[in-house]
Amino acid sequence: MIISAFVLAALTSSAYAQEAMNTPQSATTAPAQDDKTTVDPATLPEAVKATLAGEAYKDWTIAAAWQKKSDASYVIDLKKEDKTATANIDKDGKVK
């Protein structure tokens, strides 16, 4: 009888765990950690603007820009005709 109770408890726990694994988590139970804040490209630091005006990026246009909270660097989405690219640049204009 004790063994039967143990087996029943194990099966119930296993069924509950399986159901929990198949249930998608909602945003309230597992929030996504966003490290970026959207910034207006016009407000980028002069050093970042100078890097983007340099030879490597001169033919590209800024599609979107973000500042990372963790290290204050910038993530810049760029477009050139049908191509896209992302540049990671620190506040001093150094490409990461």
C-alpha atoms as a PDB file:
ATOM      1  CA  MET A   1       0.000   0.000   0.000  1.00  0.00           C
ATOM      2  CA  ILE A   2       2.815   2.424   0.817  1.00  0.00           C
ATOM      3  CA  ILE A   3       4.455   1.583  -2.503  1.00  0.00           C
ATOM      4  CA  SER A   4       1.174   2.240  -4.341  1.00  0.00           C
ATOM      5  CA  ALA A   5       0.888   5.662  -2.711  1.00  0.00           C
ATOM      6  CA  PHE A   6       4.483   6.474  -3.652  1.00  0.00           C
ATOM      7  CA  VAL A   7       3.927   5.417  -7.300  1.00  0.00           C
ATOM      8  CA  LEU A   8       0.709   7.455  -7.494  1.00  0.00           C
ATOM      9  CA  ALA A   9       2.487  10.535  -6.105  1.00  0.00           C
ATOM     10  CA  ALA A  10       5.372  10.104  -8.558  1.00  0.00           C
ATOM     11  CA  LEU A  11       3.017   9.786 -11.530  1.00  0.00           C
ATOM     12  CA  THR A  12       1.052  12.875 -10.476  1.00  0.00           C
ATOM     13  CA  SER A  13       4.258  14.920 -10.083  1.00  0.00           C
ATOM     14  CA  SER A  14       5.517  13.732 -13.456  1.00  0.00           C
ATOM     15  CA  ALA A  15       2.260  14.673 -15.207  1.00  0.00           C
ATOM     16  CA  TYR A  16       2.284  18.128 -13.604  1.00  0.00           C
ATOM     17  CA  ALA A  17       5.912  18.736 -14.603  1.00  0.00           C
ATOM     18  CA  GLN A  18       5.203  17.669 -18.182  1.00  0.00           C
ATOM     19  CA  GLU A  19       2.227  20.051 -18.402  1.00  0.00           C
ATOM     20  CA  ALA A  20       4.294  22.928 -16.993  1.00  0.00           C
ATOM     21  CA  MET A  21       7.024  22.333 -19.578  1.00  0.00           C
ATOM     22  CA  ASN A  22       4.514  22.509 -22.438  1.00  0.00           C
ATOM     23  CA  THR A  23       2.909  25.753 -21.262  1.00  0.00           C
ATOM     24  CA  PRO A  24       4.386  28.910 -22.823  1.00  0.00           C
ATOM     25  CA  GLN A  25       5.535  31.501 -20.324  1.00  0.00           C
ATOM     26  CA  SER A  26       3.805  34.840 -20.388  1.00  0.00           C
ATOM     27  CA  ALA A  27       5.636  38.147 -20.317  1.00  0.00           C
ATOM     28  CA  THR A  28       4.614  38.634 -16.703  1.00  0.00           C
ATOM     29  CA  THR A  29       6.268  35.427 -15.507  1.00  0.00           C
ATOM     30  CA  ALA A  30       9.480  35.789 -17.516  1.00  0.00           C
ATOM     31  CA  PRO A  31      10.037  39.398 -18.560  1.00  0.00           C
ATOM     32  CA  ALA A  32      12.521  40.052 -21.357  1.00  0.00           C
ATOM     33  CA  GLN A  33      15.487  42.120 -20.263  1.00  0.00           C
ATOM     34  CA  ASP A  34      15.976  44.939 -22.764  1.00  0.00           C
ATOM     35  CA  ASP A  35      19.379  46.575 -22.610  1.00  0.00           C
ATOM     36  CA  LYS A  36      18.712  49.252 -25.238  1.00  0.00           C
ATOM     37  CA  THR A  37      17.014  52.651 -25.275  1.00  0.00           C
ATOM     38  CA  THR A  38      15.962  54.176 -28.598  1.00  0.00           C
ATOM     39  CA  VAL A  39      17.753  57.417 -29.429  1.00  0.00           C
ATOM     40  CA  ASP A  40      17.251  60.032 -32.117  1.00  0.00           C
ATOM     41  CA  PRO A  41      20.177  59.752 -34.579  1.00  0.00           C
ATOM     42  CA  ALA A  42      20.507  63.540 -34.497  1.00  0.00           C
ATOM     43  CA  THR A  43      21.402  63.338 -30.797  1.00  0.00           C
ATOM     44  CA  LEU A  44      24.264  60.845 -31.224  1.00  0.00           C
ATOM     45  CA  PRO A  45      27.585  62.057 -29.784  1.00  0.00           C
ATOM     46  CA  GLU A  46      29.840  63.908 -32.230  1.00  0.00           C
ATOM     47  CA  ALA A  47      32.436  61.110 -32.026  1.00  0.00           C
ATOM     48  CA  VAL A  48      29.824  58.549 -33.125  1.00  0.00           C
ATOM     49  CA  LYS A  49      28.637  60.843 -35.938  1.00  0.00           C
ATOM     50  CA  ALA A  50      32.246  61.285 -37.087  1.00  0.00           C
ATOM     51  CA  THR A  51      32.744  57.511 -37.248  1.00  0.00           C
ATOM     52  CA  LEU A  52      29.530  57.117 -39.244  1.00  0.00           C
ATOM     53  CA  ALA A  53      30.680  59.870 -41.635  1.00  0.00           C
ATOM     54  CA  GLY A  54      34.013  58.075 -42.164  1.00  0.00           C
ATOM     55  CA  GLU A  55      35.030  55.941 -45.125  1.00  0.00           C
ATOM     56  CA  ALA A  56      33.551  52.684 -43.801  1.00  0.00           C
ATOM     57  CA  TYR A  57      30.006  54.052 -43.346  1.00  0.00           C
ATOM     58  CA  LYS A  58      29.807  57.129 -45.604  1.00  0.00           C
ATOM     59  CA  ASP A  59      27.410  55.510 -48.127  1.00  0.00           C
ATOM     60  CA  TRP A  60      25.094  54.134 -45.431  1.00  0.00           C
ATOM     61  CA  THR A  61      22.080  55.840 -43.846  1.00  0.00           C
ATOM     62  CA  ILE A  62      20.935  55.388 -40.280  1.00  0.00           C
ATOM     63  CA  ALA A  63      17.727  53.355 -40.061  1.00  0.00           C
ATOM     64  CA  ALA A  64      17.563  53.293 -36.237  1.00  0.00           C
ATOM     65  CA  ALA A  65      19.791  53.929 -33.238  1.00  0.00           C
ATOM     66  CA  TRP A  66      19.875  52.704 -29.641  1.00  0.00           C
ATOM     67  CA  GLN A  67      22.050  53.300 -26.625  1.00  0.00           C
ATOM     68  CA  LYS A  68      22.935  50.265 -24.552  1.00  0.00           C
ATOM     69  CA  LYS A  69      22.293  50.704 -20.848  1.00  0.00           C
ATOM     70  CA  SER A  70      25.003  48.253 -19.814  1.00  0.00           C
ATOM     71  CA  ASP A  71      27.984  50.067 -21.310  1.00  0.00           C
ATOM     72  CA  ALA A  72      26.602  53.313 -22.829  1.00  0.00           C
ATOM     73  CA  SER A  73      27.687  52.260 -26.332  1.00  0.00           C
ATOM     74  CA  TYR A  74      25.490  52.686 -29.393  1.00  0.00           C
ATOM     75  CA  VAL A  75      23.887  50.146 -31.698  1.00  0.00           C
ATOM     76  CA  ILE A  76      23.187  51.650 -35.110  1.00  0.00           C
ATOM     77  CA  ASP A  77      21.097  49.921 -37.785  1.00  0.00           C
ATOM     78  CA  LEU A  78      22.252  51.033 -41.232  1.00  0.00           C
ATOM     79  CA  LYS A  79      20.787  50.782 -44.739  1.00  0.00           C
ATOM     80  CA  LYS A  80      22.444  50.983 -48.142  1.00  0.00           C
ATOM     81  CA  GLU A  81      20.199  50.238 -51.101  1.00  0.00           C
ATOM     82  CA  ASP A  82      18.836  46.743 -50.351  1.00  0.00           C
ATOM     83  CA  LYS A  83      21.520  45.910 -47.759  1.00  0.00           C
ATOM     84  CA  THR A  84      21.339  46.292 -44.002  1.00  0.00           C
ATOM     85  CA  ALA A  85      24.069  46.275 -41.368  1.00  0.00           C
ATOM     86  CA  THR A  86      24.529  46.978 -37.691  1.00  0.00           C
ATOM     87  CA  ALA A  87      27.376  48.986 -36.198  1.00  0.00           C
ATOM     88  CA  ASN A  88      28.333  48.870 -32.524  1.00  0.00           C
ATOM     89  CA  ILE A  89      30.162  52.064 -31.588  1.00  0.00           C
ATOM     90  CA  ASP A  90      31.219  53.324 -28.166  1.00  0.00           C
ATOM     91  CA  LYS A  91      30.636  56.904 -27.026  1.00  0.00           C
ATOM     92  CA  ASP A  92      34.170  57.831 -28.158  1.00  0.00           C
ATOM     93  CA  GLY A  93      33.478  56.695 -31.736  1.00  0.00           C
ATOM     94  CA  LYS A  94      35.426  53.441 -31.531  1.00  0.00           C
ATOM     95  CA  VAL A  95      33.830  50.547 -33.457  1.00  0.00           C
ATOM     96  CA  LYS A  96      33.342  47.540 -31.163  1.00  0.00           C
END
